[in-house]
Structure formats: C-alpha cells, structure tokens
C-alpha cells in the first residue's frame, strides 16, 4: 500500500490465528483498550503485573503480532482487539461513534456499515 506522500505502508494481518481469547485475556485487553497501564490492570484484576505482562504477551501471539523497535505492540493489540470484538470494546471511553445516524424514532444509532 502506498501513502499519498509516496511512503510505503505495510499491511498487517491482525486476525486471531491460533485460538480464541479466554475470558481473562478479553478482560485484560478491554482494560488495555481503556488506556490502563499494566500496573492499573493488575490492581483492578487482583493479579500481579507479571501475570498481566504474560497475558498481554499471550494475547499478542493469539493475534500473530510481533514486537520490534518500530512497533508499539499495545497499540496494535488494542486495534486487533477492536477489530475482533467490535467497537463495544471502546464504549467505556465515551468517545462518540463516527457512524452515528438518526433513527426513525429520533434515537442515535451506530451504523457500522458506513465508512
């Protein structure tokens, strides 16, 4: 893929490749998507930071994500989690949906088919 300025953009496959996430991994990634640190996630889940680090690492492997000097694995993991589990993963951030439309009854509806 090529950006408008001619820079080459690498596409990544961030779908789950090996297995589904277990409920604890989903909880940890949901908190990661809220911007929480490993320390904050550990406190909230009553686990050690090492358990959280290992959970994040296992989750990254489930999405086939690899870290390198130019890659922030937490950002990619949050994006992968959102792609796999939908926008609901970000509901607690209280960020307005960019797909909102007014329904027939006057309620705001998320139309995710609009891009």
C-alpha atoms as a PDB file:
ATOM      1  CA  UNK A   1       0.000   0.000   0.000  1.00  0.00           C
ATOM      2  CA  UNK A   2       1.310   3.487  -0.802  1.00  0.00           C
ATOM      3  CA  UNK A   3       0.606   6.668   1.178  1.00  0.00           C
ATOM      4  CA  UNK A   4      -0.110   9.948  -0.615  1.00  0.00           C
ATOM      5  CA  UNK A   5       3.453  11.153   0.030  1.00  0.00           C
ATOM      6  CA  UNK A   6       4.928   8.032  -1.596  1.00  0.00           C
ATOM      7  CA  UNK A   7       5.779   6.277   1.675  1.00  0.00           C
ATOM      8  CA  UNK A   8       5.159   2.530   1.604  1.00  0.00           C
ATOM      9  CA  UNK A   9       2.724   1.335   4.272  1.00  0.00           C
ATOM     10  CA  UNK A  10       2.995  -2.269   5.433  1.00  0.00           C
ATOM     11  CA  UNK A  11      -0.315  -4.086   5.851  1.00  0.00           C
ATOM     12  CA  UNK A  12      -0.613  -6.452   8.792  1.00  0.00           C
ATOM     13  CA  UNK A  13      -2.931  -9.383   9.316  1.00  0.00           C
ATOM     14  CA  UNK A  14      -4.235  -8.884  12.846  1.00  0.00           C
ATOM     15  CA  UNK A  15      -6.852 -11.597  12.957  1.00  0.00           C
ATOM     16  CA  UNK A  16      -6.741 -14.316  15.567  1.00  0.00           C
ATOM     17  CA  UNK A  17      -4.770 -17.149  14.037  1.00  0.00           C
ATOM     18  CA  UNK A  18      -4.231 -19.826  16.657  1.00  0.00           C
ATOM     19  CA  UNK A  19      -7.089 -19.726  19.159  1.00  0.00           C
ATOM     20  CA  UNK A  20      -9.808 -17.580  20.643  1.00  0.00           C
ATOM     21  CA  UNK A  21      -9.034 -15.407  23.644  1.00  0.00           C
ATOM     22  CA  UNK A  22     -10.085 -16.711  27.043  1.00  0.00           C
ATOM     23  CA  UNK A  23     -12.297 -14.515  29.289  1.00  0.00           C
ATOM     24  CA  UNK A  24      -9.352 -13.230  31.358  1.00  0.00           C
ATOM     25  CA  UNK A  25      -7.434 -12.232  28.207  1.00  0.00           C
ATOM     26  CA  UNK A  26     -10.552 -10.429  26.979  1.00  0.00           C
ATOM     27  CA  UNK A  27     -10.841  -8.599  30.308  1.00  0.00           C
ATOM     28  CA  UNK A  28      -7.174  -7.574  30.255  1.00  0.00           C
ATOM     29  CA  UNK A  29      -7.370  -6.371  26.647  1.00  0.00           C
ATOM     30  CA  UNK A  30     -10.572  -4.475  27.381  1.00  0.00           C
ATOM     31  CA  UNK A  31      -8.741  -2.619  30.155  1.00  0.00           C
ATOM     32  CA  UNK A  32      -5.717  -2.113  27.871  1.00  0.00           C
ATOM     33  CA  UNK A  33      -8.090  -0.529  25.326  1.00  0.00           C
ATOM     34  CA  UNK A  34      -9.168   1.912  28.033  1.00  0.00           C
ATOM     35  CA  UNK A  35      -5.537   3.074  28.179  1.00  0.00           C
ATOM     36  CA  UNK A  36      -4.765   1.440  31.525  1.00  0.00           C
ATOM     37  CA  UNK A  37      -1.179   0.544  32.409  1.00  0.00           C
ATOM     38  CA  UNK A  38      -0.127  -2.977  33.362  1.00  0.00           C
ATOM     39  CA  UNK A  39       0.051  -1.806  36.962  1.00  0.00           C
ATOM     40  CA  UNK A  40      -3.503  -0.449  36.886  1.00  0.00           C
ATOM     41  CA  UNK A  41      -4.797  -3.612  35.207  1.00  0.00           C
ATOM     42  CA  UNK A  42      -3.050  -5.723  37.845  1.00  0.00           C
ATOM     43  CA  UNK A  43      -4.678  -3.748  40.666  1.00  0.00           C
ATOM     44  CA  UNK A  44      -8.111  -3.889  39.047  1.00  0.00           C
ATOM     45  CA  UNK A  45      -7.955  -7.643  38.412  1.00  0.00           C
ATOM     46  CA  UNK A  46      -6.155  -8.559  41.664  1.00  0.00           C
ATOM     47  CA  UNK A  47      -3.232 -10.116  39.791  1.00  0.00           C
ATOM     48  CA  UNK A  48       0.470  -9.338  39.628  1.00  0.00           C
ATOM     49  CA  UNK A  49       1.973  -7.166  36.929  1.00  0.00           C
ATOM     50  CA  UNK A  50       3.882 -10.239  35.711  1.00  0.00           C
ATOM     51  CA  UNK A  51       0.575 -12.090  35.156  1.00  0.00           C
ATOM     52  CA  UNK A  52      -0.705  -9.095  33.173  1.00  0.00           C
ATOM     53  CA  UNK A  53       2.511  -8.884  31.125  1.00  0.00           C
ATOM     54  CA  UNK A  54       2.266 -12.598  30.321  1.00  0.00           C
ATOM     55  CA  UNK A  55      -1.418 -12.287  29.441  1.00  0.00           C
ATOM     56  CA  UNK A  56      -0.722  -9.406  27.060  1.00  0.00           C
ATOM     57  CA  UNK A  57       2.146 -11.362  25.502  1.00  0.00           C
ATOM     58  CA  UNK A  58      -0.027 -14.482  25.019  1.00  0.00           C
ATOM     59  CA  UNK A  59      -2.799 -12.340  23.558  1.00  0.00           C
ATOM     60  CA  UNK A  60      -0.393 -10.739  21.080  1.00  0.00           C
ATOM     61  CA  UNK A  61       0.657 -14.224  19.970  1.00  0.00           C
ATOM     62  CA  UNK A  62      -3.010 -15.180  19.504  1.00  0.00           C
ATOM     63  CA  UNK A  63      -3.306 -12.244  17.083  1.00  0.00           C
ATOM     64  CA  UNK A  64       0.065 -13.161  15.499  1.00  0.00           C
ATOM     65  CA  UNK A  65       1.525  -9.774  16.498  1.00  0.00           C
ATOM     66  CA  UNK A  66       5.257  -9.399  16.951  1.00  0.00           C
ATOM     67  CA  UNK A  67       7.104  -6.552  18.610  1.00  0.00           C
ATOM     68  CA  UNK A  68      10.108  -4.775  17.148  1.00  0.00           C
ATOM     69  CA  UNK A  69      11.872  -1.441  17.617  1.00  0.00           C
ATOM     70  CA  UNK A  70       9.386   0.379  15.356  1.00  0.00           C
ATOM     71  CA  UNK A  71       6.191  -1.219  16.648  1.00  0.00           C
ATOM     72  CA  UNK A  72       4.112  -0.461  19.737  1.00  0.00           C
ATOM     73  CA  UNK A  73       2.593  -3.861  20.455  1.00  0.00           C
ATOM     74  CA  UNK A  74      -0.007  -2.411  22.873  1.00  0.00           C
ATOM     75  CA  UNK A  75      -1.419  -0.154  20.154  1.00  0.00           C
ATOM     76  CA  UNK A  76      -1.573  -2.999  17.635  1.00  0.00           C
ATOM     77  CA  UNK A  77      -3.119  -5.267  20.243  1.00  0.00           C
ATOM     78  CA  UNK A  78      -5.805  -2.674  21.045  1.00  0.00           C
ATOM     79  CA  UNK A  79      -6.575  -2.329  17.330  1.00  0.00           C
ATOM     80  CA  UNK A  80      -6.674  -6.096  16.862  1.00  0.00           C
ATOM     81  CA  UNK A  81      -8.987  -6.479  19.859  1.00  0.00           C
ATOM     82  CA  UNK A  82     -11.284  -3.774  18.492  1.00  0.00           C
ATOM     83  CA  UNK A  83     -11.380  -5.383  15.050  1.00  0.00           C
ATOM     84  CA  UNK A  84     -12.167  -8.796  16.507  1.00  0.00           C
ATOM     85  CA  UNK A  85     -14.632  -7.741  19.222  1.00  0.00           C
ATOM     86  CA  UNK A  86     -16.085  -4.589  17.651  1.00  0.00           C
ATOM     87  CA  UNK A  87     -16.493  -1.041  18.863  1.00  0.00           C
ATOM     88  CA  UNK A  88     -18.044  -2.238  22.134  1.00  0.00           C
ATOM     89  CA  UNK A  89     -14.502  -2.672  23.449  1.00  0.00           C
ATOM     90  CA  UNK A  90     -14.194   1.123  23.454  1.00  0.00           C
ATOM     91  CA  UNK A  91     -17.641   2.007  24.835  1.00  0.00           C
ATOM     92  CA  UNK A  92     -16.251   2.928  28.275  1.00  0.00           C
ATOM     93  CA  UNK A  93     -14.052   5.631  26.725  1.00  0.00           C
ATOM     94  CA  UNK A  94     -17.235   7.607  25.976  1.00  0.00           C
ATOM     95  CA  UNK A  95     -15.964   8.567  22.524  1.00  0.00           C
ATOM     96  CA  UNK A  96     -18.820   9.314  20.129  1.00  0.00           C
ATOM     97  CA  UNK A  97     -19.234   6.761  17.366  1.00  0.00           C
ATOM     98  CA  UNK A  98     -18.207   8.115  13.974  1.00  0.00           C
ATOM     99  CA  UNK A  99     -21.002   6.049  12.369  1.00  0.00           C
ATOM    100  CA  UNK A 100     -23.924   7.691  14.222  1.00  0.00           C
ATOM    101  CA  UNK A 101     -27.126   8.310  12.307  1.00  0.00           C
ATOM    102  CA  UNK A 102     -30.572   9.329  13.491  1.00  0.00           C
ATOM    103  CA  UNK A 103     -33.091   6.502  13.544  1.00  0.00           C
ATOM    104  CA  UNK A 104     -36.745   6.823  12.546  1.00  0.00           C
ATOM    105  CA  UNK A 105     -37.703   7.296  16.212  1.00  0.00           C
ATOM    106  CA  UNK A 106     -35.122  10.084  16.727  1.00  0.00           C
ATOM    107  CA  UNK A 107     -32.617   7.886  18.565  1.00  0.00           C
ATOM    108  CA  UNK A 108     -28.947   7.893  17.631  1.00  0.00           C
ATOM    109  CA  UNK A 109     -27.914   4.610  16.036  1.00  0.00           C
ATOM    110  CA  UNK A 110     -24.474   3.292  15.135  1.00  0.00           C
ATOM    111  CA  UNK A 111     -24.408   2.226  11.516  1.00  0.00           C
ATOM    112  CA  UNK A 112     -21.071   0.399  11.321  1.00  0.00           C
ATOM    113  CA  UNK A 113     -21.602  -0.290   7.619  1.00  0.00           C
ATOM    114  CA  UNK A 114     -20.877   3.402   6.912  1.00  0.00           C
ATOM    115  CA  UNK A 115     -17.150   4.020   6.465  1.00  0.00           C
END
